Amino acid sequence: RLFHNMTALENTLVGMHSRLSGGIVRSILRTPGV
């Protein structure tokens, strides 16, 4: 169950989603922390 039209790196980043702390607002604002 891979995302076939995404790169190997992008597929691996999907796995990290549960461990990232960015949050929606910080992600939209592209803060230095994000």
Full PDB file with SEQRES, HELIX, SHEET, SSBOND, CRYST1, ORIGX, SCALE, CONECT and MASTER records, all heavy atoms in Angstrom:
SEQRES   1 A   34  ARG LEU PHE HIS ASN MET THR ALA LEU GLU ASN THR LEU          
SEQRES   2 A   34  VAL GLY MET HIS SER ARG LEU SER GLY GLY ILE VAL ARG          
SEQRES   3 A   34  SER ILE LEU ARG THR PRO GLY VAL                              
HELIX    1 AA1 ALA A    8  GLY A   15  1                                   8    
HELIX    2 AA2 HIS A   17  ARG A   19  5                                   3    
HELIX    3 AA3 ILE A   24  LEU A   29  1                                   6    
CRYST1    1.000    1.000    1.000  90.00  90.00  90.00 P 1           1          
ORIGX1      1.000000  0.000000  0.000000        0.00000                         
ORIGX2      0.000000  1.000000  0.000000        0.00000                         
ORIGX3      0.000000  0.000000  1.000000        0.00000                         
SCALE1      1.000000  0.000000  0.000000        0.00000                         
SCALE2      0.000000  1.000000  0.000000        0.00000                         
SCALE3      0.000000  0.000000  1.000000        0.00000                         
ATOM      1  N   ARG A   1       0.839  -1.204   0.000  1.00  0.00           N  
ATOM      2  CA  ARG A   1       0.000   0.000   0.000  1.00  0.00           C  
ATOM      3  C   ARG A   1       0.872   1.252   0.000  1.00  0.00           C  
ATOM      4  O   ARG A   1       0.936   1.982   0.974  1.00  0.00           O  
ATOM      5  CB  ARG A   1      -0.924   0.005   1.221  1.00  0.00           C  
ATOM      6  CG  ARG A   1      -1.949  -1.114   1.189  1.00  0.00           C  
ATOM      7  CD  ARG A   1      -2.953  -0.958   2.301  1.00  0.00           C  
ATOM      8  NE  ARG A   1      -3.829  -2.119   2.390  1.00  0.00           N  
ATOM      9  CZ  ARG A   1      -4.781  -2.267   3.297  1.00  0.00           C  
ATOM     10  NH1 ARG A   1      -4.971  -1.326   4.203  1.00  0.00           N  
ATOM     11  NH2 ARG A   1      -5.527  -3.346   3.330  1.00  0.00           N  
ATOM     12  N   LEU A   2       1.546   1.465  -1.098  1.00  0.00           N  
ATOM     13  CA  LEU A   2       2.347   2.675  -1.257  1.00  0.00           C  
ATOM     14  C   LEU A   2       1.558   3.691  -2.083  1.00  0.00           C  
ATOM     15  O   LEU A   2       0.594   3.341  -2.764  1.00  0.00           O  
ATOM     16  CB  LEU A   2       3.660   2.342  -1.987  1.00  0.00           C  
ATOM     17  CG  LEU A   2       4.627   1.449  -1.228  1.00  0.00           C  
ATOM     18  CD1 LEU A   2       5.750   0.991  -2.147  1.00  0.00           C  
ATOM     19  CD2 LEU A   2       5.201   2.162  -0.009  1.00  0.00           C  
ATOM     20  N   PHE A   3       1.993   4.960  -2.010  1.00  0.00           N  
ATOM     21  CA  PHE A   3       1.431   5.983  -2.892  1.00  0.00           C  
ATOM     22  C   PHE A   3       2.278   5.932  -4.168  1.00  0.00           C  
ATOM     23  O   PHE A   3       3.396   6.460  -4.207  1.00  0.00           O  
ATOM     24  CB  PHE A   3       1.488   7.357  -2.227  1.00  0.00           C  
ATOM     25  CG  PHE A   3       0.631   7.435  -0.986  1.00  0.00           C  
ATOM     26  CD1 PHE A   3       1.189   7.300   0.272  1.00  0.00           C  
ATOM     27  CD2 PHE A   3      -0.738   7.626  -1.089  1.00  0.00           C  
ATOM     28  CE1 PHE A   3       0.409   7.355   1.415  1.00  0.00           C  
ATOM     29  CE2 PHE A   3      -1.540   7.689   0.049  1.00  0.00           C  
ATOM     30  CZ  PHE A   3      -0.956   7.553   1.300  1.00  0.00           C  
ATOM     31  N   HIS A   4       1.743   5.270  -5.203  1.00  0.00           N  
ATOM     32  CA  HIS A   4       2.567   4.918  -6.367  1.00  0.00           C  
ATOM     33  C   HIS A   4       3.020   6.122  -7.177  1.00  0.00           C  
ATOM     34  O   HIS A   4       4.044   6.056  -7.850  1.00  0.00           O  
ATOM     35  CB  HIS A   4       1.819   3.913  -7.239  1.00  0.00           C  
ATOM     36  CG  HIS A   4       1.733   2.561  -6.608  1.00  0.00           C  
ATOM     37  ND1 HIS A   4       2.820   1.723  -6.497  1.00  0.00           N  
ATOM     38  CD2 HIS A   4       0.705   1.916  -6.005  1.00  0.00           C  
ATOM     39  CE1 HIS A   4       2.472   0.618  -5.882  1.00  0.00           C  
ATOM     40  NE2 HIS A   4       1.184   0.712  -5.553  1.00  0.00           N  
ATOM     41  N   ASN A   5       2.267   7.223  -7.127  1.00  0.00           N  
ATOM     42  CA  ASN A   5       2.650   8.405  -7.892  1.00  0.00           C  
ATOM     43  C   ASN A   5       3.390   9.433  -7.043  1.00  0.00           C  
ATOM     44  O   ASN A   5       3.492  10.600  -7.411  1.00  0.00           O  
ATOM     45  CB  ASN A   5       1.418   9.035  -8.546  1.00  0.00           C  
ATOM     46  CG  ASN A   5       0.795   8.106  -9.573  1.00  0.00           C  
ATOM     47  OD1 ASN A   5       1.519   7.477 -10.345  1.00  0.00           O  
ATOM     48  ND2 ASN A   5      -0.521   7.996  -9.573  1.00  0.00           N  
ATOM     49  N   MET A   6       3.896   8.969  -5.897  1.00  0.00           N  
ATOM     50  CA  MET A   6       4.761   9.796  -5.061  1.00  0.00           C  
ATOM     51  C   MET A   6       6.144   9.168  -5.033  1.00  0.00           C  
ATOM     52  O   MET A   6       6.307   7.969  -5.270  1.00  0.00           O  
ATOM     53  CB  MET A   6       4.190   9.905  -3.640  1.00  0.00           C  
ATOM     54  CG  MET A   6       2.941  10.779  -3.562  1.00  0.00           C  
ATOM     55  SD  MET A   6       2.048  10.625  -1.985  1.00  0.00           S  
ATOM     56  CE  MET A   6       3.259  11.180  -0.799  1.00  0.00           C  
ATOM     57  N   THR A   7       7.154   9.979  -4.751  1.00  0.00           N  
ATOM     58  CA  THR A   7       8.526   9.469  -4.725  1.00  0.00           C  
ATOM     59  C   THR A   7       8.751   8.638  -3.466  1.00  0.00           C  
ATOM     60  O   THR A   7       7.949   8.662  -2.524  1.00  0.00           O  
ATOM     61  CB  THR A   7       9.543  10.623  -4.734  1.00  0.00           C  
ATOM     62  OG1 THR A   7       9.398  11.370  -3.512  1.00  0.00           O  
ATOM     63  CG2 THR A   7       9.337  11.542  -5.937  1.00  0.00           C  
ATOM     64  N   ALA A   8       9.866   7.928  -3.477  1.00  0.00           N  
ATOM     65  CA  ALA A   8      10.235   7.125  -2.303  1.00  0.00           C  
ATOM     66  C   ALA A   8      10.374   8.023  -1.077  1.00  0.00           C  
ATOM     67  O   ALA A   8       9.908   7.670   0.018  1.00  0.00           O  
ATOM     68  CB  ALA A   8      11.551   6.387  -2.572  1.00  0.00           C  
ATOM     69  N   LEU A   9      10.981   9.208  -1.265  1.00  0.00           N  
ATOM     70  CA  LEU A   9      11.155  10.134  -0.146  1.00  0.00           C  
ATOM     71  C   LEU A   9       9.796  10.614   0.378  1.00  0.00           C  
ATOM     72  O   LEU A   9       9.564  10.637   1.591  1.00  0.00           O  
ATOM     73  CB  LEU A   9      12.007  11.335  -0.568  1.00  0.00           C  
ATOM     74  CG  LEU A   9      12.419  12.264   0.580  1.00  0.00           C  
ATOM     75  CD1 LEU A   9      13.587  11.659   1.353  1.00  0.00           C  
ATOM     76  CD2 LEU A   9      12.794  13.645   0.079  1.00  0.00           C  
ATOM     77  N   GLU A  10       8.896  10.961  -0.544  1.00  0.00           N  
ATOM     78  CA  GLU A  10       7.570  11.447  -0.135  1.00  0.00           C  
ATOM     79  C   GLU A  10       6.793  10.364   0.603  1.00  0.00           C  
ATOM     80  O   GLU A  10       6.105  10.637   1.587  1.00  0.00           O  
ATOM     81  CB  GLU A  10       6.796  11.929  -1.365  1.00  0.00           C  
ATOM     82  CG  GLU A  10       7.323  13.237  -1.943  1.00  0.00           C  
ATOM     83  CD  GLU A  10       6.803  13.543  -3.333  1.00  0.00           C  
ATOM     84  OE1 GLU A  10       6.284  12.624  -4.010  1.00  0.00           O  
ATOM     85  OE2 GLU A  10       6.922  14.706  -3.772  1.00  0.00           O  
ATOM     86  N   ASN A  11       6.880   9.115   0.129  1.00  0.00           N  
ATOM     87  CA  ASN A  11       6.215   8.009   0.810  1.00  0.00           C  
ATOM     88  C   ASN A  11       6.719   7.863   2.240  1.00  0.00           C  
ATOM     89  O   ASN A  11       5.942   7.611   3.166  1.00  0.00           O  
ATOM     90  CB  ASN A  11       6.433   6.701   0.048  1.00  0.00           C  
ATOM     91  CG  ASN A  11       5.332   6.403  -0.945  1.00  0.00           C  
ATOM     92  OD1 ASN A  11       4.259   5.938  -0.591  1.00  0.00           O  
ATOM     93  ND2 ASN A  11       5.606   6.695  -2.206  1.00  0.00           N  
ATOM     94  N   THR A  12       8.022   8.010   2.418  1.00  0.00           N  
ATOM     95  CA  THR A  12       8.613   7.872   3.753  1.00  0.00           C  
ATOM     96  C   THR A  12       8.179   9.022   4.657  1.00  0.00           C  
ATOM     97  O   THR A  12       7.901   8.820   5.847  1.00  0.00           O  
ATOM     98  CB  THR A  12      10.146   7.802   3.653  1.00  0.00           C  
ATOM     99  OG1 THR A  12      10.507   6.805   2.692  1.00  0.00           O  
ATOM    100  CG2 THR A  12      10.774   7.433   4.989  1.00  0.00           C  
ATOM    101  N   LEU A  13       8.095  10.225   4.086  1.00  0.00           N  
ATOM    102  CA  LEU A  13       7.645  11.386   4.860  1.00  0.00           C  
ATOM    103  C   LEU A  13       6.213  11.203   5.371  1.00  0.00           C  
ATOM    104  O   LEU A  13       5.877  11.671   6.459  1.00  0.00           O  
ATOM    105  CB  LEU A  13       7.737  12.660   4.007  1.00  0.00           C  
ATOM    106  CG  LEU A  13       9.146  13.235   3.814  1.00  0.00           C  
ATOM    107  CD1 LEU A  13       9.159  14.294   2.717  1.00  0.00           C  
ATOM    108  CD2 LEU A  13       9.664  13.837   5.124  1.00  0.00           C  
ATOM    109  N   VAL A  14       5.379  10.499   4.593  1.00  0.00           N  
ATOM    110  CA  VAL A  14       3.998  10.234   5.028  1.00  0.00           C  
ATOM    111  C   VAL A  14       4.015   9.485   6.365  1.00  0.00           C  
ATOM    112  O   VAL A  14       3.221   9.749   7.262  1.00  0.00           O  
ATOM    113  CB  VAL A  14       3.226   9.424   3.957  1.00  0.00           C  
ATOM    114  CG1 VAL A  14       1.908   8.897   4.512  1.00  0.00           C  
ATOM    115  CG2 VAL A  14       2.964  10.293   2.739  1.00  0.00           C  
ATOM    116  N   GLY A  15       4.968   8.541   6.502  1.00  0.00           N  
ATOM    117  CA  GLY A  15       5.083   7.778   7.740  1.00  0.00           C  
ATOM    118  C   GLY A  15       5.433   8.637   8.943  1.00  0.00           C  
ATOM    119  O   GLY A  15       5.114   8.280  10.081  1.00  0.00           O  
ATOM    120  N   MET A  16       6.084   9.759   8.688  1.00  0.00           N  
ATOM    121  CA  MET A  16       6.503  10.636   9.789  1.00  0.00           C  
ATOM    122  C   MET A  16       5.385  11.535  10.297  1.00  0.00           C  
ATOM    123  O   MET A  16       5.542  12.189  11.330  1.00  0.00           O  
ATOM    124  CB  MET A  16       7.662  11.532   9.329  1.00  0.00           C  
ATOM    125  CG  MET A  16       8.934  10.767   9.166  1.00  0.00           C  
ATOM    126  SD  MET A  16      10.281  11.879   8.786  1.00  0.00           S  
ATOM    127  CE  MET A  16      11.539  10.661   8.469  1.00  0.00           C  
ATOM    128  N   HIS A  17       4.271  11.549   9.586  1.00  0.00           N  
ATOM    129  CA  HIS A  17       3.204  12.506   9.889  1.00  0.00           C  
ATOM    130  C   HIS A  17       2.796  12.477  11.366  1.00  0.00           C  
ATOM    131  O   HIS A  17       2.632  13.515  12.004  1.00  0.00           O  
ATOM    132  CB  HIS A  17       1.985  12.220   9.005  1.00  0.00           C  
ATOM    133  CG  HIS A  17       0.817  13.097   9.289  1.00  0.00           C  
ATOM    134  ND1 HIS A  17       0.797  14.441   8.966  1.00  0.00           N  
ATOM    135  CD2 HIS A  17      -0.371  12.841   9.894  1.00  0.00           C  
ATOM    136  CE1 HIS A  17      -0.349  14.964   9.362  1.00  0.00           C  
ATOM    137  NE2 HIS A  17      -1.077  14.024   9.923  1.00  0.00           N  
ATOM    138  N   SER A  18       2.689  11.268  11.930  1.00  0.00           N  
ATOM    139  CA  SER A  18       2.209  11.166  13.313  1.00  0.00           C  
ATOM    140  C   SER A  18       3.224  11.700  14.324  1.00  0.00           C  
ATOM    141  O   SER A  18       2.887  11.933  15.480  1.00  0.00           O  
ATOM    142  CB  SER A  18       1.888   9.707  13.649  1.00  0.00           C  
ATOM    143  OG  SER A  18       3.064   8.918  13.666  1.00  0.00           O  
ATOM    144  N   ARG A  19       4.489  11.884  13.887  1.00  0.00           N  
ATOM    145  CA  ARG A  19       5.536  12.347  14.813  1.00  0.00           C  
ATOM    146  C   ARG A  19       5.879  13.824  14.638  1.00  0.00           C  
ATOM    147  O   ARG A  19       6.674  14.364  15.390  1.00  0.00           O  
ATOM    148  CB  ARG A  19       6.819  11.523  14.613  1.00  0.00           C  
ATOM    149  CG  ARG A  19       6.636  10.024  14.844  1.00  0.00           C  
ATOM    150  CD  ARG A  19       6.289   9.720  16.277  1.00  0.00           C  
ATOM    151  NE  ARG A  19       6.044   8.301  16.478  1.00  0.00           N  
ATOM    152  CZ  ARG A  19       5.447   7.787  17.538  1.00  0.00           C  
ATOM    153  NH1 ARG A  19       5.003   8.584  18.487  1.00  0.00           N  
ATOM    154  NH2 ARG A  19       5.269   6.490  17.653  1.00  0.00           N  
ATOM    155  N   LEU A  20       5.293  14.484  13.625  1.00  0.00           N  
ATOM    156  CA  LEU A  20       5.599  15.900  13.405  1.00  0.00           C  
ATOM    157  C   LEU A  20       4.656  16.771  14.231  1.00  0.00           C  
ATOM    158  O   LEU A  20       3.500  16.437  14.440  1.00  0.00           O  
ATOM    159  CB  LEU A  20       5.473  16.254  11.919  1.00  0.00           C  
ATOM    160  CG  LEU A  20       6.435  15.507  10.977  1.00  0.00           C  
ATOM    161  CD1 LEU A  20       6.186  15.921   9.533  1.00  0.00           C  
ATOM    162  CD2 LEU A  20       7.881  15.756  11.356  1.00  0.00           C  
ATOM    163  N   SER A  21       5.162  17.898  14.689  1.00  0.00           N  
ATOM    164  CA  SER A  21       4.381  18.733  15.613  1.00  0.00           C  
ATOM    165  C   SER A  21       3.958  20.068  15.009  1.00  0.00           C  
ATOM    166  O   SER A  21       3.476  20.938  15.704  1.00  0.00           O  
ATOM    167  CB  SER A  21       5.217  18.995  16.873  1.00  0.00           C  
ATOM    168  OG  SER A  21       6.438  19.628  16.531  1.00  0.00           O  
ATOM    169  N   GLY A  22       4.140  20.233  13.687  1.00  0.00           N  
ATOM    170  CA  GLY A  22       3.923  21.528  13.048  1.00  0.00           C  
ATOM    171  C   GLY A  22       2.575  22.165  13.317  1.00  0.00           C  
ATOM    172  O   GLY A  22       2.487  23.323  13.689  1.00  0.00           O  
ATOM    173  N   GLY A  23       1.490  21.427  13.125  1.00  0.00           N  
ATOM    174  CA  GLY A  23       0.165  22.005  13.310  1.00  0.00           C  
ATOM    175  C   GLY A  23      -0.264  22.793  12.081  1.00  0.00           C  
ATOM    176  O   GLY A  23       0.560  23.299  11.328  1.00  0.00           O  
ATOM    177  N   ILE A  24      -1.571  22.938  11.896  1.00  0.00           N  
ATOM    178  CA  ILE A  24      -2.096  23.548  10.666  1.00  0.00           C  
ATOM    179  C   ILE A  24      -1.693  25.016  10.546  1.00  0.00           C  
ATOM    180  O   ILE A  24      -1.196  25.465   9.508  1.00  0.00           O  
ATOM    181  CB  ILE A  24      -3.634  23.412  10.619  1.00  0.00           C  
ATOM    182  CG1 ILE A  24      -4.011  21.922  10.481  1.00  0.00           C  
ATOM    183  CG2 ILE A  24      -4.223  24.207   9.466  1.00  0.00           C  
ATOM    184  CD1 ILE A  24      -5.485  21.639  10.626  1.00  0.00           C  
ATOM    185  N   VAL A  25      -1.890  25.798  11.605  1.00  0.00           N  
ATOM    186  CA  VAL A  25      -1.617  27.245  11.530  1.00  0.00           C  
ATOM    187  C   VAL A  25      -0.144  27.498  11.251  1.00  0.00           C  
ATOM    188  O   VAL A  25       0.206  28.276  10.354  1.00  0.00           O  
ATOM    189  CB  VAL A  25      -2.045  27.946  12.844  1.00  0.00           C  
ATOM    190  CG1 VAL A  25      -1.627  29.412  12.813  1.00  0.00           C  
ATOM    191  CG2 VAL A  25      -3.559  27.841  13.029  1.00  0.00           C  
ATOM    192  N   ARG A  26       0.727  26.829  12.009  1.00  0.00           N  
ATOM    193  CA  ARG A  26       2.177  27.024  11.801  1.00  0.00           C  
ATOM    194  C   ARG A  26       2.584  26.588  10.402  1.00  0.00           C  
ATOM    195  O   ARG A  26       3.463  27.191   9.782  1.00  0.00           O  
ATOM    196  CB  ARG A  26       2.968  26.237  12.849  1.00  0.00           C  
ATOM    197  CG  ARG A  26       2.892  26.830  14.255  1.00  0.00           C  
ATOM    198  CD  ARG A  26       3.590  25.952  15.270  1.00  0.00           C  
ATOM    199  NE  ARG A  26       4.996  25.804  14.974  1.00  0.00           N  
ATOM    200  CZ  ARG A  26       5.740  24.776  15.380  1.00  0.00           C  
ATOM    201  NH1 ARG A  26       5.186  23.805  16.080  1.00  0.00           N  
ATOM    202  NH2 ARG A  26       7.014  24.710  15.090  1.00  0.00           N  
ATOM    203  N   SER A  27       1.938  25.533   9.875  1.00  0.00           N  
ATOM    204  CA  SER A  27       2.277  25.050   8.530  1.00  0.00           C  
ATOM    205  C   SER A  27       1.860  26.059   7.466  1.00  0.00           C  
ATOM    206  O   SER A  27       2.592  26.311   6.507  1.00  0.00           O  
ATOM    207  CB  SER A  27       1.593  23.706   8.262  1.00  0.00           C  
ATOM    208  OG  SER A  27       2.081  22.722   9.148  1.00  0.00           O  
ATOM    209  N   ILE A  28       0.689  26.663   7.632  1.00  0.00           N  
ATOM    210  CA  ILE A  28       0.213  27.665   6.658  1.00  0.00           C  
ATOM    211  C   ILE A  28       1.113  28.896   6.686  1.00  0.00           C  
ATOM    212  O   ILE A  28       1.475  29.452   5.648  1.00  0.00           O  
ATOM    213  CB  ILE A  28      -1.256  28.058   6.969  1.00  0.00           C  
ATOM    214  CG1 ILE A  28      -2.184  26.868   6.668  1.00  0.00           C  
ATOM    215  CG2 ILE A  28      -1.679  29.272   6.154  1.00  0.00           C  
ATOM    216  CD1 ILE A  28      -3.615  27.060   7.152  1.00  0.00           C  
ATOM    217  N   LEU A  29       1.486  29.312   7.894  1.00  0.00           N  
ATOM    218  CA  LEU A  29       2.310  30.517   8.036  1.00  0.00           C  
ATOM    219  C   LEU A  29       3.780  30.269   7.704  1.00  0.00           C  
ATOM    220  O   LEU A  29       4.553  31.215   7.577  1.00  0.00           O  
ATOM    221  CB  LEU A  29       2.206  31.065   9.464  1.00  0.00           C  
ATOM    222  CG  LEU A  29       0.814  31.562   9.890  1.00  0.00           C  
ATOM    223  CD1 LEU A  29       0.824  31.985  11.343  1.00  0.00           C  
ATOM    224  CD2 LEU A  29       0.377  32.736   8.999  1.00  0.00           C  
ATOM    225  N   ARG A  30       4.139  28.961   7.545  1.00  0.00           N  
ATOM    226  CA  ARG A  30       5.525  28.586   7.226  1.00  0.00           C  
ATOM    227  C   ARG A  30       6.499  29.213   8.214  1.00  0.00           C  
ATOM    228  O   ARG A  30       7.456  29.898   7.839  1.00  0.00           O  
ATOM    229  CB  ARG A  30       5.888  29.008   5.788  1.00  0.00           C  
ATOM    230  CG  ARG A  30       5.006  28.428   4.717  1.00  0.00           C  
ATOM    231  CD  ARG A  30       5.319  26.984   4.422  1.00  0.00           C  
ATOM    232  NE  ARG A  30       6.652  26.809   3.886  1.00  0.00           N  
ATOM    233  CZ  ARG A  30       7.374  25.699   4.008  1.00  0.00           C  
ATOM    234  NH1 ARG A  30       6.882  24.681   4.670  1.00  0.00           N  
ATOM    235  NH2 ARG A  30       8.568  25.617   3.486  1.00  0.00           N  
ATOM    236  N   THR A  31       6.245  29.024   9.491  1.00  0.00           N  
ATOM    237  CA  THR A  31       7.117  29.591  10.523  1.00  0.00           C  
ATOM    238  C   THR A  31       8.498  28.934  10.456  1.00  0.00           C  
ATOM    239  O   THR A  31       8.649  27.830   9.924  1.00  0.00           O  
ATOM    240  CB  THR A  31       6.523  29.344  11.922  1.00  0.00           C  
ATOM    241  OG1 THR A  31       6.488  27.933  12.171  1.00  0.00           O  
ATOM    242  CG2 THR A  31       5.120  29.919  12.048  1.00  0.00           C  
ATOM    243  N   PRO A  32       9.524  29.619  11.008  1.00  0.00           N  
ATOM    244  CA  PRO A  32      10.882  29.035  11.005  1.00  0.00           C  
ATOM    245  C   PRO A  32      10.915  27.653  11.639  1.00  0.00           C  
ATOM    246  O   PRO A  32      11.642  26.774  11.176  1.00  0.00           O  
ATOM    247  CB  PRO A  32      11.697  30.044  11.818  1.00  0.00           C  
ATOM    248  CG  PRO A  32      10.965  31.342  11.665  1.00  0.00           C  
ATOM    249  CD  PRO A  32       9.528  30.987  11.561  1.00  0.00           C  
ATOM    250  N   GLY A  33      10.113  27.457  12.675  1.00  0.00           N  
ATOM    251  CA  GLY A  33      10.077  26.154  13.342  1.00  0.00           C  
ATOM    252  C   GLY A  33       9.601  25.057  12.404  1.00  0.00           C  
ATOM    253  O   GLY A  33      10.139  23.943  12.396  1.00  0.00           O  
ATOM    254  N   VAL A  34       8.574  25.383  11.602  1.00  0.00           N  
ATOM    255  CA  VAL A  34       8.035  24.413  10.652  1.00  0.00           C  
ATOM    256  C   VAL A  34       9.059  24.106   9.567  1.00  0.00           C  
ATOM    257  O   VAL A  34       9.278  22.944   9.198  1.00  0.00           O  
ATOM    258  CB  VAL A  34       6.719  24.925  10.025  1.00  0.00           C  
ATOM    259  CG1 VAL A  34       6.345  24.119   8.785  1.00  0.00           C  
ATOM    260  CG2 VAL A  34       5.593  24.856  11.039  1.00  0.00           C  
TER     261      VAL A  34                                                      
MASTER        0    0    0    3    0    0    0    6  260    1    0    3          
END                                                                             
